[in-house]
């Protein structure tokens, strides 16, 4: 249905998830992790730089999975899926946006949980951030599986 290949979705999701873990934790520079939520152009630039690096890693992972597994991934549709994921990632990583959403949805108290000295890992805000990203990886993988090559 809708031109989807049921083998593309799980493989693309696995590739995106693995690349997300590496790119969001191992490849993100400390300056980006600390400053990407700051107000002004410096914060925006640090967030863009992080998201560009992260998206490049995800694109490489999806490409590698498609080539090695012989998956019929449409490059144009995959690029759209990666763009959707990148925009959602940038939006959340500006921090104030995701924290505002948390407050509006009754998750503000949860977002505030955790030891500030251990921030961001081990906090409610970190858990909400990562679950947001994983949800969008799911959406991106679904999107990428819709436009498979014939």
Protein backbone atom coordinates (compact mmCIF):
# COMPACT_ATOMS: atom_id res chain seq x y z
CA UNK A 1 0.00 0.00 0.00
CA UNK A 2 1.20 3.52 -0.82
CA UNK A 3 4.33 2.09 -2.48
CA UNK A 4 5.86 1.12 0.85
CA UNK A 5 8.33 -1.72 1.18
CA UNK A 6 7.93 -3.46 4.55
CA UNK A 7 11.64 -4.36 4.60
CA UNK A 8 12.77 -0.75 4.20
CA UNK A 9 11.12 0.60 7.36
CA UNK A 10 12.86 -1.62 9.97
CA UNK A 11 16.25 -1.34 8.29
CA UNK A 12 16.03 2.44 7.92
CA UNK A 13 14.77 2.82 11.49
CA UNK A 14 17.65 0.73 12.83
CA UNK A 15 20.15 2.76 10.79
CA UNK A 16 18.65 6.06 11.95
CA UNK A 17 18.54 4.94 15.58
CA UNK A 18 22.16 3.77 15.61
CA UNK A 19 23.34 6.92 13.84
CA UNK A 20 21.32 9.05 16.25
CA UNK A 21 22.98 7.47 19.27
CA UNK A 22 26.47 7.99 17.83
CA UNK A 23 25.83 11.43 16.39
CA UNK A 24 23.88 12.85 19.32
CA UNK A 25 26.30 11.61 21.97
CA UNK A 26 29.74 10.73 20.58
CA UNK A 27 30.04 13.21 17.72
CA UNK A 28 28.33 16.22 19.25
CA UNK A 29 30.94 18.71 20.40
CA UNK A 30 30.86 19.86 24.01
CA UNK A 31 30.38 23.45 22.87
CA UNK A 32 27.31 22.38 20.90
CA UNK A 33 25.86 20.35 23.75
CA UNK A 34 26.34 23.22 26.19
CA UNK A 35 25.48 26.16 23.94
CA UNK A 36 22.89 25.00 21.39
CA UNK A 37 20.01 26.17 23.56
CA UNK A 38 21.44 29.63 24.19
CA UNK A 39 19.55 32.69 23.01
CA UNK A 40 20.82 34.54 19.99
CA UNK A 41 22.83 33.67 16.92
CA UNK A 42 25.56 31.76 18.73
CA UNK A 43 23.05 29.27 20.16
CA UNK A 44 21.31 28.94 16.81
CA UNK A 45 24.64 28.39 15.02
CA UNK A 46 25.79 25.74 17.51
CA UNK A 47 22.47 23.93 17.11
CA UNK A 48 22.64 24.08 13.30
CA UNK A 49 26.21 22.78 13.33
CA UNK A 50 25.19 19.87 15.56
CA UNK A 51 22.14 19.02 13.44
CA UNK A 52 24.11 19.18 10.17
CA UNK A 53 26.73 16.76 11.54
CA UNK A 54 24.04 14.49 12.97
CA UNK A 55 22.08 14.46 9.72
CA UNK A 56 25.21 13.64 7.71
CA UNK A 57 25.84 10.64 9.97
CA UNK A 58 22.22 9.52 9.58
CA UNK A 59 22.40 9.89 5.79
CA UNK A 60 25.58 7.81 5.71
CA UNK A 61 23.98 5.11 7.88
CA UNK A 62 20.84 4.92 5.75
CA UNK A 63 22.92 4.83 2.56
CA UNK A 64 25.16 2.07 3.93
CA UNK A 65 22.17 0.01 5.07
CA UNK A 66 20.46 0.44 1.70
CA UNK A 67 23.57 -0.58 -0.25
CA UNK A 68 24.60 -3.52 1.94
CA UNK A 69 21.06 -4.87 2.29
CA UNK A 70 20.05 -4.09 -1.29
CA UNK A 71 17.07 -2.02 -0.19
CA UNK A 72 15.03 -0.07 -2.74
CA UNK A 73 15.34 3.28 -0.95
CA UNK A 74 14.40 6.30 -3.05
CA UNK A 75 17.17 8.89 -2.44
CA UNK A 76 14.82 11.84 -2.89
CA UNK A 77 12.26 10.52 -0.42
CA UNK A 78 15.05 9.59 2.00
CA UNK A 79 16.36 13.17 1.75
CA UNK A 80 12.89 14.50 2.61
CA UNK A 81 12.68 12.09 5.57
CA UNK A 82 16.11 13.21 6.81
CA UNK A 83 15.07 16.85 6.45
CA UNK A 84 11.92 16.27 8.51
CA UNK A 85 14.04 14.58 11.17
CA UNK A 86 16.63 17.39 11.10
CA UNK A 87 14.02 20.12 11.52
CA UNK A 88 12.40 18.27 14.43
CA UNK A 89 15.81 17.74 16.01
CA UNK A 90 16.77 21.40 15.71
CA UNK A 91 13.41 22.47 17.14
CA UNK A 92 13.82 20.28 20.22
CA UNK A 93 17.51 21.02 20.74
CA UNK A 94 16.89 24.75 21.04
CA UNK A 95 15.61 23.56 24.46
CA UNK A 96 13.15 26.34 25.29
CA UNK A 97 10.79 24.96 22.64
CA UNK A 98 10.70 21.45 24.06
CA UNK A 99 10.48 22.71 27.65
CA UNK A 100 7.53 24.92 26.68
CA UNK A 101 5.83 21.91 25.10
CA UNK A 102 6.54 19.90 28.26
CA UNK A 103 4.89 22.56 30.40
CA UNK A 104 1.89 22.84 28.06
CA UNK A 105 1.33 19.09 28.12
CA UNK A 106 1.66 18.70 31.90
CA UNK A 107 5.23 17.34 31.77
CA UNK A 108 6.92 20.43 33.22
CA UNK A 109 7.47 18.82 36.62
CA UNK A 110 8.95 15.72 35.00
CA UNK A 111 11.22 17.88 32.81
CA UNK A 112 12.59 19.52 35.95
CA UNK A 113 13.50 16.19 37.59
CA UNK A 114 17.11 15.15 38.04
CA UNK A 115 20.43 16.32 39.30
CA UNK A 116 21.42 19.56 37.58
CA UNK A 117 25.08 18.66 38.12
CA UNK A 118 24.54 15.58 35.95
CA UNK A 119 22.68 17.53 33.26
CA UNK A 120 21.63 16.87 30.69
CA UNK A 121 21.87 13.08 31.05
CA UNK A 122 19.88 11.72 33.95
CA UNK A 123 17.25 14.46 33.92
CA UNK A 124 13.62 14.50 32.94
CA UNK A 125 14.43 17.07 30.26
CA UNK A 126 16.97 14.66 28.73
CA UNK A 127 14.46 11.80 28.74
CA UNK A 128 11.86 13.98 27.02
CA UNK A 129 14.47 15.19 24.51
CA UNK A 130 15.57 11.69 23.57
CA UNK A 131 12.03 10.31 23.36
CA UNK A 132 11.10 13.23 21.08
CA UNK A 133 14.01 12.40 18.79
CA UNK A 134 13.23 8.67 18.69
CA UNK A 135 9.60 9.40 17.83
CA UNK A 136 10.74 11.48 14.87
CA UNK A 137 13.16 8.74 13.79
CA UNK A 138 10.13 6.48 13.59
CA UNK A 139 8.30 9.05 11.44
CA UNK A 140 11.34 9.52 9.20
CA UNK A 141 11.74 5.78 8.71
CA UNK A 142 8.06 5.44 7.81
CA UNK A 143 8.38 8.28 5.34
CA UNK A 144 11.53 6.80 3.79
CA UNK A 145 9.76 3.47 3.32
CA UNK A 146 6.89 5.06 1.36
CA UNK A 147 8.82 6.16 -1.69
CA UNK A 148 10.76 3.08 -2.62
CA UNK A 149 12.24 2.66 -6.08
CA UNK A 150 10.58 0.14 -8.33
